[in-house]
Amino acid sequence: MSTRPTGAAPAGTGPTGAEGSPPPAPPTSPVAPDRAERPDFPGCSDSPGSPDSSDSPALSLRPVGGAALLAECGDGPEETARLFRALAPVAAERGWELVPAARTVLVRFDERTDDLFAVGRTVRAVATGSPHDSPGVASRPPEAPLVVPVRYDGPDLAEVASRLGLDVPEVVALHSSAEYTVAFCGFTPGFGYLTGTPEPLHLPRRATPRTRVPAGSVAVAGGFTGMYPTASPGGWWLLGSTDAPLWDVHRQPPALLTPGRRVRLEPVRAGAGAQAEGDR
């Protein structure tokens, strides 16, 4: 399985203005007539016998040409991240490529060896927890979370606490208590969009973005937590910083935060080193 390092951010949640807006949706190539007319195609929710019409109305499957399938999760980014994690071992076994985004997972396969409809049925079965034809791969133990030490010294920490009616230690405890999942990557190489941010910290982007956010900044906006791999403009709320090597071209993969990776944030005192545990 391979996963591309970029994904589309939901409108208004990117770290900057236009730079963080979602790119155009992948073009949908015409589907061959024999496939388009098949009543059991898994993406046709109004077709008799279609899985979309019964077991999981929140999941929509659509063909993208003849060698890809777009799974769209109506329940949002956290459900999309769960689907990606569940599909990852199956994709590794089958040689599929998964490209996650905020609400979709694109499944690319070799049409010489895989059938579009069979792929759709497997994706549907994985999404609903039903038996499928790769039963052994889903039982692999999950990878241990990556522990990222964070110095909660961000310039926006006090303002965020004031907005929430909390004191600073309560904000630190709230943000560091969650377990996060890298849902997808985008905006700049190595920038991961992490789901799992506690609901009180689902803040809109700042009204005025900064022209420069330091590398290693840990921030929240739009329901996500993110960490800036390099210095760049940005409009998220800066809560802290980390020394973790978020992007290293000499590492494989270069991004520390890859889609599907579970992450925990560990508060450390100001002035302490903040290298991630479990860096590959």
C-alpha atoms as a PDB file:
ATOM      1  CA  MET A   1       0.000   0.000   0.000  1.00  0.00           C
ATOM      2  CA  SER A   2       1.130   3.520  -0.619  1.00  0.00           C
ATOM      3  CA  THR A   3      -0.371   6.752   0.619  1.00  0.00           C
ATOM      4  CA  ARG A   4       0.135  10.097  -1.007  1.00  0.00           C
ATOM      5  CA  PRO A   5       1.419  12.883   1.232  1.00  0.00           C
ATOM      6  CA  THR A   6      -1.242  15.396   0.333  1.00  0.00           C
ATOM      7  CA  GLY A   7      -4.991  15.652   0.812  1.00  0.00           C
ATOM      8  CA  ALA A   8      -7.714  18.225   0.408  1.00  0.00           C
ATOM      9  CA  ALA A   9      -8.456  20.380   3.430  1.00  0.00           C
ATOM     10  CA  PRO A  10     -12.051  21.371   4.115  1.00  0.00           C
ATOM     11  CA  ALA A  11     -12.922  24.918   3.104  1.00  0.00           C
ATOM     12  CA  GLY A  12     -11.693  27.500   5.583  1.00  0.00           C
ATOM     13  CA  THR A  13      -9.579  25.126   7.676  1.00  0.00           C
ATOM     14  CA  GLY A  14      -6.238  25.415   5.896  1.00  0.00           C
ATOM     15  CA  PRO A  15      -3.403  27.022   7.827  1.00  0.00           C
ATOM     16  CA  THR A  16      -3.572  30.125   5.609  1.00  0.00           C
ATOM     17  CA  GLY A  17      -6.218  31.779   3.434  1.00  0.00           C
ATOM     18  CA  ALA A  18      -6.168  30.707  -0.217  1.00  0.00           C
ATOM     19  CA  GLU A  19      -3.217  28.383   0.420  1.00  0.00           C
ATOM     20  CA  GLY A  20      -5.357  26.288   2.746  1.00  0.00           C
ATOM     21  CA  SER A  21      -8.432  26.110   0.535  1.00  0.00           C
ATOM     22  CA  PRO A  22      -9.289  22.697  -0.886  1.00  0.00           C
ATOM     23  CA  PRO A  23      -7.931  21.867  -4.333  1.00  0.00           C
ATOM     24  CA  PRO A  24     -10.435  20.881  -7.017  1.00  0.00           C
ATOM     25  CA  ALA A  25     -11.973  17.449  -6.588  1.00  0.00           C
ATOM     26  CA  PRO A  26     -10.317  14.700  -8.639  1.00  0.00           C
ATOM     27  CA  PRO A  27     -11.804  14.566 -12.129  1.00  0.00           C
ATOM     28  CA  THR A  28     -14.210  11.736 -12.700  1.00  0.00           C
ATOM     29  CA  SER A  29     -13.562   9.974 -15.966  1.00  0.00           C
ATOM     30  CA  PRO A  30     -16.466   8.506 -17.911  1.00  0.00           C
ATOM     31  CA  VAL A  31     -17.421   5.047 -16.720  1.00  0.00           C
ATOM     32  CA  ALA A  32     -17.646   2.318 -19.293  1.00  0.00           C
ATOM     33  CA  PRO A  33     -21.304   1.661 -20.269  1.00  0.00           C
ATOM     34  CA  ASP A  34     -21.245  -1.916 -19.014  1.00  0.00           C
ATOM     35  CA  ARG A  35     -20.162  -0.707 -15.580  1.00  0.00           C
ATOM     36  CA  ALA A  36     -22.468   2.302 -15.461  1.00  0.00           C
ATOM     37  CA  GLU A  37     -25.476   0.130 -16.277  1.00  0.00           C
ATOM     38  CA  ARG A  38     -24.739  -2.568 -13.704  1.00  0.00           C
ATOM     39  CA  PRO A  39     -27.497  -2.310 -11.071  1.00  0.00           C
ATOM     40  CA  ASP A  40     -25.266  -3.633  -8.286  1.00  0.00           C
ATOM     41  CA  PHE A  41     -22.554  -0.982  -8.573  1.00  0.00           C
ATOM     42  CA  PRO A  42     -21.792  -0.046  -4.944  1.00  0.00           C
ATOM     43  CA  GLY A  43     -21.949   3.695  -5.544  1.00  0.00           C
ATOM     44  CA  CYS A  44     -25.487   3.761  -6.949  1.00  0.00           C
ATOM     45  CA  SER A  45     -27.587   4.321  -3.855  1.00  0.00           C
ATOM     46  CA  ASP A  46     -30.830   4.307  -5.814  1.00  0.00           C
ATOM     47  CA  SER A  47     -30.154   0.984  -7.521  1.00  0.00           C
ATOM     48  CA  PRO A  48     -32.013  -2.182  -6.442  1.00  0.00           C
ATOM     49  CA  GLY A  49     -29.875  -4.331  -4.187  1.00  0.00           C
ATOM     50  CA  SER A  50     -27.175  -1.686  -3.814  1.00  0.00           C
ATOM     51  CA  PRO A  51     -25.324  -1.781  -0.487  1.00  0.00           C
ATOM     52  CA  ASP A  52     -25.659   2.013  -0.305  1.00  0.00           C
ATOM     53  CA  SER A  53     -29.419   1.727   0.049  1.00  0.00           C
ATOM     54  CA  SER A  54     -29.281  -0.339   3.221  1.00  0.00           C
ATOM     55  CA  ASP A  55     -26.270  -0.909   5.448  1.00  0.00           C
ATOM     56  CA  SER A  56     -24.367   2.386   5.505  1.00  0.00           C
ATOM     57  CA  PRO A  57     -26.158   5.397   4.025  1.00  0.00           C
ATOM     58  CA  ALA A  58     -23.388   7.703   5.319  1.00  0.00           C
ATOM     59  CA  LEU A  59     -20.829   6.077   2.981  1.00  0.00           C
ATOM     60  CA  SER A  60     -21.031   6.827  -0.734  1.00  0.00           C
ATOM     61  CA  LEU A  61     -18.857   5.020  -3.274  1.00  0.00           C
ATOM     62  CA  ARG A  62     -18.220   6.545  -6.686  1.00  0.00           C
ATOM     63  CA  PRO A  63     -16.076   5.374  -9.602  1.00  0.00           C
ATOM     64  CA  VAL A  64     -13.188   7.569 -10.711  1.00  0.00           C
ATOM     65  CA  GLY A  65     -12.379   6.171 -14.106  1.00  0.00           C
ATOM     66  CA  GLY A  66     -11.940   2.416 -14.252  1.00  0.00           C
ATOM     67  CA  ALA A  67      -9.079   2.056 -11.776  1.00  0.00           C
ATOM     68  CA  ALA A  68     -10.146   4.069  -8.740  1.00  0.00           C
ATOM     69  CA  LEU A  69     -13.020   4.368  -6.308  1.00  0.00           C
ATOM     70  CA  LEU A  70     -13.859   7.398  -4.169  1.00  0.00           C
ATOM     71  CA  ALA A  71     -15.328   6.598  -0.749  1.00  0.00           C
ATOM     72  CA  GLU A  72     -17.082   9.645   0.694  1.00  0.00           C
ATOM     73  CA  CYS A  73     -17.928   9.612   4.410  1.00  0.00           C
ATOM     74  CA  GLY A  74     -20.944  11.728   5.298  1.00  0.00           C
ATOM     75  CA  ASP A  75     -20.117  11.608   9.018  1.00  0.00           C
ATOM     76  CA  GLY A  76     -17.015  13.786   8.689  1.00  0.00           C
ATOM     77  CA  PRO A  77     -13.233  13.683   9.154  1.00  0.00           C
ATOM     78  CA  GLU A  78     -13.105  11.364  12.174  1.00  0.00           C
ATOM     79  CA  GLU A  79     -15.166   8.698  10.419  1.00  0.00           C
ATOM     80  CA  THR A  80     -13.006   9.146   7.310  1.00  0.00           C
ATOM     81  CA  ALA A  81      -9.861   8.604   9.403  1.00  0.00           C
ATOM     82  CA  ARG A  82     -11.378   5.422  10.865  1.00  0.00           C
ATOM     83  CA  LEU A  83     -12.176   4.141   7.378  1.00  0.00           C
ATOM     84  CA  PHE A  84      -8.624   4.851   6.231  1.00  0.00           C
ATOM     85  CA  ARG A  85      -7.165   2.946   9.196  1.00  0.00           C
ATOM     86  CA  ALA A  86      -9.465   0.000   8.570  1.00  0.00           C
ATOM     87  CA  LEU A  87      -8.624  -0.092   4.858  1.00  0.00           C
ATOM     88  CA  ALA A  88      -4.852   0.260   5.314  1.00  0.00           C
ATOM     89  CA  PRO A  89      -4.025  -3.434   5.971  1.00  0.00           C
ATOM     90  CA  VAL A  90      -6.333  -4.572   3.166  1.00  0.00           C
ATOM     91  CA  ALA A  91      -4.718  -2.079   0.796  1.00  0.00           C
ATOM     92  CA  ALA A  92      -1.253  -3.272   1.798  1.00  0.00           C
ATOM     93  CA  GLU A  93      -2.219  -6.865   0.993  1.00  0.00           C
ATOM     94  CA  ARG A  94      -3.899  -5.987  -2.318  1.00  0.00           C
ATOM     95  CA  GLY A  95      -1.401  -3.395  -3.547  1.00  0.00           C
ATOM     96  CA  TRP A  96      -3.972  -0.603  -3.527  1.00  0.00           C
ATOM     97  CA  GLU A  97      -3.031   3.046  -3.076  1.00  0.00           C
ATOM     98  CA  LEU A  98      -5.052   5.065  -0.560  1.00  0.00           C
ATOM     99  CA  VAL A  99      -5.300   8.853  -0.792  1.00  0.00           C
ATOM    100  CA  PRO A 100      -7.154  10.233   2.258  1.00  0.00           C
ATOM    101  CA  ALA A 101      -8.660  13.721   2.485  1.00  0.00           C
ATOM    102  CA  ALA A 102     -11.029  15.447   4.909  1.00  0.00           C
ATOM    103  CA  ARG A 103     -14.152  13.486   3.971  1.00  0.00           C
ATOM    104  CA  THR A 104     -12.998  11.055   1.307  1.00  0.00           C
ATOM    105  CA  VAL A 105     -10.612   8.172   0.727  1.00  0.00           C
ATOM    106  CA  LEU A 106      -9.574   7.526  -2.862  1.00  0.00           C
ATOM    107  CA  VAL A 107      -8.798   3.853  -3.513  1.00  0.00           C
ATOM    108  CA  ARG A 108      -6.585   3.289  -6.554  1.00  0.00           C
ATOM    109  CA  PHE A 109      -6.087  -0.252  -7.841  1.00  0.00           C
ATOM    110  CA  ASP A 110      -4.781  -2.160 -10.834  1.00  0.00           C
ATOM    111  CA  GLU A 111      -7.755  -2.786 -13.093  1.00  0.00           C
ATOM    112  CA  ARG A 112      -5.873  -5.660 -14.704  1.00  0.00           C
ATOM    113  CA  THR A 113      -6.116  -7.653 -11.481  1.00  0.00           C
ATOM    114  CA  ASP A 114      -8.974  -6.022  -9.546  1.00  0.00           C
ATOM    115  CA  ASP A 115     -12.588  -5.517 -10.516  1.00  0.00           C
ATOM    116  CA  LEU A 116     -14.229  -2.173  -9.722  1.00  0.00           C
ATOM    117  CA  PHE A 117     -17.299  -3.837  -8.260  1.00  0.00           C
ATOM    118  CA  ALA A 118     -15.307  -6.289  -6.150  1.00  0.00           C
ATOM    119  CA  VAL A 119     -13.221  -3.430  -4.763  1.00  0.00           C
ATOM    120  CA  GLY A 120     -16.404  -1.554  -3.915  1.00  0.00           C
ATOM    121  CA  ARG A 121     -17.857  -4.548  -2.092  1.00  0.00           C
ATOM    122  CA  THR A 122     -14.650  -4.962  -0.072  1.00  0.00           C
ATOM    123  CA  VAL A 123     -14.545  -1.269   0.864  1.00  0.00           C
ATOM    124  CA  ARG A 124     -18.197  -1.458   1.909  1.00  0.00           C
ATOM    125  CA  ALA A 125     -17.574  -4.581   4.002  1.00  0.00           C
ATOM    126  CA  VAL A 126     -14.558  -3.032   5.726  1.00  0.00           C
ATOM    127  CA  ALA A 127     -16.519   0.142   6.460  1.00  0.00           C
ATOM    128  CA  THR A 128     -19.384  -1.760   8.068  1.00  0.00           C
ATOM    129  CA  GLY A 129     -17.242  -4.348   9.846  1.00  0.00           C
ATOM    130  CA  SER A 130     -18.741  -7.157   7.751  1.00  0.00           C
ATOM    131  CA  PRO A 131     -16.777 -10.249   6.677  1.00  0.00           C
ATOM    132  CA  HIS A 132     -14.816  -9.785   3.468  1.00  0.00           C
ATOM    133  CA  ASP A 133     -12.337 -11.741   1.376  1.00  0.00           C
ATOM    134  CA  SER A 134      -9.270 -10.529   3.296  1.00  0.00           C
ATOM    135  CA  PRO A 135     -10.384 -11.563   6.797  1.00  0.00           C
ATOM    136  CA  GLY A 136      -6.931 -12.013   8.320  1.00  0.00           C
ATOM    137  CA  VAL A 137      -5.462  -8.584   7.669  1.00  0.00           C
ATOM    138  CA  ALA A 138      -7.959  -6.596   9.752  1.00  0.00           C
ATOM    139  CA  SER A 139      -6.927  -8.436  12.924  1.00  0.00           C
ATOM    140  CA  ARG A 140      -3.364  -7.041  13.007  1.00  0.00           C
ATOM    141  CA  PRO A 141      -2.588  -5.200  16.254  1.00  0.00           C
ATOM    142  CA  PRO A 142      -2.690  -1.416  15.954  1.00  0.00           C
ATOM    143  CA  GLU A 143       0.552   0.529  15.885  1.00  0.00           C
ATOM    144  CA  ALA A 144       1.491   2.198  19.164  1.00  0.00           C
ATOM    145  CA  PRO A 145       0.760   5.931  19.227  1.00  0.00           C
ATOM    146  CA  LEU A 146       3.547   8.316  18.348  1.00  0.00           C
ATOM    147  CA  VAL A 147       4.308  10.438  21.424  1.00  0.00           C
ATOM    148  CA  VAL A 148       5.093  14.046  20.514  1.00  0.00           C
ATOM    149  CA  PRO A 149       6.403  16.214  23.367  1.00  0.00           C
ATOM    150  CA  VAL A 150       4.954  19.731  23.260  1.00  0.00           C
ATOM    151  CA  ARG A 151       6.031  22.871  25.076  1.00  0.00           C
ATOM    152  CA  TYR A 152       2.791  24.712  25.698  1.00  0.00           C
ATOM    153  CA  ASP A 153       4.305  28.142  25.226  1.00  0.00           C
ATOM    154  CA  GLY A 154       2.325  29.372  22.219  1.00  0.00           C
ATOM    155  CA  PRO A 155       1.536  33.068  21.761  1.00  0.00           C
ATOM    156  CA  ASP A 156      -2.205  32.354  21.490  1.00  0.00           C
ATOM    157  CA  LEU A 157      -2.497  30.132  24.550  1.00  0.00           C
ATOM    158  CA  ALA A 158      -3.701  32.844  26.930  1.00  0.00           C
ATOM    159  CA  GLU A 159      -6.221  34.204  24.420  1.00  0.00           C
ATOM    160  CA  VAL A 160      -7.609  30.720  23.753  1.00  0.00           C
ATOM    161  CA  ALA A 161      -7.983  30.176  27.494  1.00  0.00           C
ATOM    162  CA  SER A 162      -9.845  33.468  27.806  1.00  0.00           C
ATOM    163  CA  ARG A 163     -12.171  32.612  24.910  1.00  0.00           C
ATOM    164  CA  LEU A 164     -13.023  29.281  26.535  1.00  0.00           C
ATOM    165  CA  GLY A 165     -13.396  30.656  30.063  1.00  0.00           C
ATOM    166  CA  LEU A 166     -10.570  28.408  31.289  1.00  0.00           C
ATOM    167  CA  ASP A 167      -7.171  29.024  32.752  1.00  0.00           C
ATOM    168  CA  VAL A 168      -4.013  28.117  30.829  1.00  0.00           C
ATOM    169  CA  PRO A 169      -3.273  24.836  32.687  1.00  0.00           C
ATOM    170  CA  GLU A 170      -6.828  23.672  31.942  1.00  0.00           C
ATOM    171  CA  VAL A 171      -6.336  24.330  28.215  1.00  0.00           C
ATOM    172  CA  VAL A 172      -3.047  22.433  28.292  1.00  0.00           C
ATOM    173  CA  ALA A 173      -4.667  19.513  30.101  1.00  0.00           C
ATOM    174  CA  LEU A 174      -7.598  19.520  27.672  1.00  0.00           C
ATOM    175  CA  HIS A 175      -5.488  19.572  24.525  1.00  0.00           C
ATOM    176  CA  SER A 176      -2.958  17.010  25.741  1.00  0.00           C
ATOM    177  CA  SER A 177      -5.558  14.577  27.101  1.00  0.00           C
ATOM    178  CA  ALA A 178      -6.868  13.464  23.709  1.00  0.00           C
ATOM    179  CA  GLU A 179      -5.604  10.726  21.404  1.00  0.00           C
ATOM    180  CA  TYR A 180      -5.234  12.062  17.892  1.00  0.00           C
ATOM    181  CA  THR A 181      -5.186  10.474  14.463  1.00  0.00           C
ATOM    182  CA  VAL A 182      -3.527  11.903  11.370  1.00  0.00           C
ATOM    183  CA  ALA A 183      -6.493  12.069   9.017  1.00  0.00           C
ATOM    184  CA  PHE A 184      -4.635  13.383   5.970  1.00  0.00           C
ATOM    185  CA  CYS A 185      -1.781  15.667   4.952  1.00  0.00           C
ATOM    186  CA  GLY A 186      -1.830  18.867   2.942  1.00  0.00           C
ATOM    187  CA  PHE A 187      -1.005  22.577   2.712  1.00  0.00           C
ATOM    188  CA  THR A 188       2.748  21.970   2.846  1.00  0.00           C
ATOM    189  CA  PRO A 189       4.872  18.783   2.888  1.00  0.00           C
ATOM    190  CA  GLY A 190       4.599  17.087   6.263  1.00  0.00           C
ATOM    191  CA  PHE A 191       1.656  19.107   7.572  1.00  0.00           C
ATOM    192  CA  GLY A 192      -0.762  16.595   9.088  1.00  0.00           C
ATOM    193  CA  TYR A 193      -4.389  17.344   9.914  1.00  0.00           C
ATOM    194  CA  LEU A 194      -5.095  15.553  13.204  1.00  0.00           C
ATOM    195  CA  THR A 195      -8.594  14.571  14.274  1.00  0.00           C
ATOM    196  CA  GLY A 196      -9.489  14.039  17.920  1.00  0.00           C
ATOM    197  CA  THR A 197      -9.226  17.661  19.048  1.00  0.00           C
ATOM    198  CA  PRO A 198     -11.560  18.157  22.045  1.00  0.00           C
ATOM    199  CA  GLU A 199     -14.756  19.948  21.043  1.00  0.00           C
ATOM    200  CA  PRO A 200     -14.158  23.144  23.096  1.00  0.00           C
ATOM    201  CA  LEU A 201     -11.007  23.695  21.022  1.00  0.00           C
ATOM    202  CA  HIS A 202     -12.889  23.582  17.711  1.00  0.00           C
ATOM    203  CA  LEU A 203     -12.123  27.227  17.053  1.00  0.00           C
ATOM    204  CA  PRO A 204     -12.416  29.041  13.720  1.00  0.00           C
ATOM    205  CA  ARG A 205      -9.246  30.322  12.136  1.00  0.00           C
ATOM    206  CA  ARG A 206      -7.866  33.613  13.403  1.00  0.00           C
ATOM    207  CA  ALA A 207      -9.424  36.678  11.777  1.00  0.00           C
ATOM    208  CA  THR A 208      -5.962  37.905  10.783  1.00  0.00           C
ATOM    209  CA  PRO A 209      -3.427  35.230   9.731  1.00  0.00           C
ATOM    210  CA  ARG A 210       0.230  35.645  10.619  1.00  0.00           C
ATOM    211  CA  THR A 211       2.696  36.224   7.826  1.00  0.00           C
ATOM    212  CA  ARG A 212       5.111  33.786   9.463  1.00  0.00           C
ATOM    213  CA  VAL A 213       4.481  30.899  11.840  1.00  0.00           C
ATOM    214  CA  PRO A 214       7.674  29.300  13.233  1.00  0.00           C
ATOM    215  CA  ALA A 215       8.512  25.711  12.314  1.00  0.00           C
ATOM    216  CA  GLY A 216       7.408  23.261  14.990  1.00  0.00           C
ATOM    217  CA  SER A 217       4.378  25.310  16.054  1.00  0.00           C
ATOM    218  CA  VAL A 218       1.472  23.250  17.411  1.00  0.00           C
ATOM    219  CA  ALA A 219      -1.883  24.792  16.600  1.00  0.00           C
ATOM    220  CA  VAL A 220      -5.649  24.282  16.375  1.00  0.00           C
ATOM    221  CA  ALA A 221      -8.370  25.482  14.004  1.00  0.00           C
ATOM    222  CA  GLY A 222     -11.513  24.162  12.365  1.00  0.00           C
ATOM    223  CA  GLY A 223     -11.693  21.065  14.555  1.00  0.00           C
ATOM    224  CA  PHE A 224      -8.154  19.946  13.708  1.00  0.00           C
ATOM    225  CA  THR A 225      -4.781  20.030  15.437  1.00  0.00           C
ATOM    226  CA  GLY A 226      -1.753  20.660  13.245  1.00  0.00           C
ATOM    227  CA  MET A 227       2.020  21.019  13.511  1.00  0.00           C
ATOM    228  CA  TYR A 228       3.948  23.262  11.135  1.00  0.00           C
ATOM    229  CA  PRO A 229       6.919  21.366   9.605  1.00  0.00           C
ATOM    230  CA  THR A 230       8.496  24.562   8.262  1.00  0.00           C
ATOM    231  CA  ALA A 231       8.052  28.281   8.814  1.00  0.00           C
ATOM    232  CA  SER A 232       5.136  29.572   6.741  1.00  0.00           C
ATOM    233  CA  PRO A 233       2.173  31.937   6.853  1.00  0.00           C
ATOM    234  CA  GLY A 234      -0.710  30.646   8.945  1.00  0.00           C
ATOM    235  CA  GLY A 235      -3.986  31.520  10.593  1.00  0.00           C
ATOM    236  CA  TRP A 236      -4.366  28.811  13.232  1.00  0.00           C
ATOM    237  CA  TRP A 237      -4.237  29.343  17.012  1.00  0.00           C
ATOM    238  CA  LEU A 238      -0.699  28.628  18.259  1.00  0.00           C
ATOM    239  CA  LEU A 239      -0.775  26.681  21.528  1.00  0.00           C
ATOM    240  CA  GLY A 240       2.782  25.409  21.724  1.00  0.00           C
ATOM    241  CA  SER A 241       5.839  24.086  19.919  1.00  0.00           C
ATOM    242  CA  THR A 242       7.758  20.859  19.356  1.00  0.00           C
ATOM    243  CA  ASP A 243      11.267  19.921  18.250  1.00  0.00           C
ATOM    244  CA  ALA A 244      10.019  16.724  16.620  1.00  0.00           C
ATOM    245  CA  PRO A 245      11.437  16.347  13.072  1.00  0.00           C
ATOM    246  CA  LEU A 246       8.128  16.680  11.239  1.00  0.00           C
ATOM    247  CA  TRP A 247       9.739  16.598   7.785  1.00  0.00           C
ATOM    248  CA  ASP A 248      13.064  14.974   6.894  1.00  0.00           C
ATOM    249  CA  VAL A 249      13.944  14.236   3.278  1.00  0.00           C
ATOM    250  CA  HIS A 250      16.542  11.689   4.426  1.00  0.00           C
ATOM    251  CA  ARG A 251      13.884   9.605   6.213  1.00  0.00           C
ATOM    252  CA  GLN A 252      11.440   7.178   4.623  1.00  0.00           C
ATOM    253  CA  PRO A 253       8.771   8.365   4.618  1.00  0.00           C
ATOM    254  CA  PRO A 254       9.920  11.991   4.984  1.00  0.00           C
ATOM    255  CA  ALA A 255       6.781  12.972   6.928  1.00  0.00           C
ATOM    256  CA  LEU A 256       6.658  12.036  10.608  1.00  0.00           C
ATOM    257  CA  LEU A 257       2.869  12.458  10.635  1.00  0.00           C
ATOM    258  CA  THR A 258       1.497  10.039   8.054  1.00  0.00           C
ATOM    259  CA  PRO A 259      -2.199   9.338   7.432  1.00  0.00           C
ATOM    260  CA  GLY A 260      -3.629   6.842   9.907  1.00  0.00           C
ATOM    261  CA  ARG A 261      -0.907   7.402  12.513  1.00  0.00           C
ATOM    262  CA  ARG A 262      -2.150   7.683  16.096  1.00  0.00           C
ATOM    263  CA  VAL A 263      -0.583  10.502  18.092  1.00  0.00           C
ATOM    264  CA  ARG A 264      -0.426  11.545  21.736  1.00  0.00           C
ATOM    265  CA  LEU A 265       0.831  14.931  22.895  1.00  0.00           C
ATOM    266  CA  GLU A 266       2.986  15.023  26.014  1.00  0.00           C
ATOM    267  CA  PRO A 267       3.396  18.389  27.780  1.00  0.00           C
ATOM    268  CA  VAL A 268       6.996  19.290  28.659  1.00  0.00           C
ATOM    269  CA  ARG A 269       8.313  22.304  30.505  1.00  0.00           C
ATOM    270  CA  ALA A 270       9.535  25.384  28.673  1.00  0.00           C
ATOM    271  CA  GLY A 271      13.180  25.033  27.657  1.00  0.00           C
ATOM    272  CA  ALA A 272      13.043  21.221  27.548  1.00  0.00           C
ATOM    273  CA  GLY A 273      13.767  19.280  24.395  1.00  0.00           C
ATOM    274  CA  ALA A 274      10.724  18.011  22.543  1.00  0.00           C
ATOM    275  CA  GLN A 275      11.756  15.104  20.319  1.00  0.00           C
ATOM    276  CA  ALA A 276       9.085  12.583  19.379  1.00  0.00           C
ATOM    277  CA  GLU A 277       9.158   9.040  20.736  1.00  0.00           C
ATOM    278  CA  GLY A 278       8.641   6.447  18.028  1.00  0.00           C
ATOM    279  CA  ASP A 279      10.120   8.548  15.221  1.00  0.00           C
ATOM    280  CA  ARG A 280      10.809   6.116  12.438  1.00  0.00           C
END
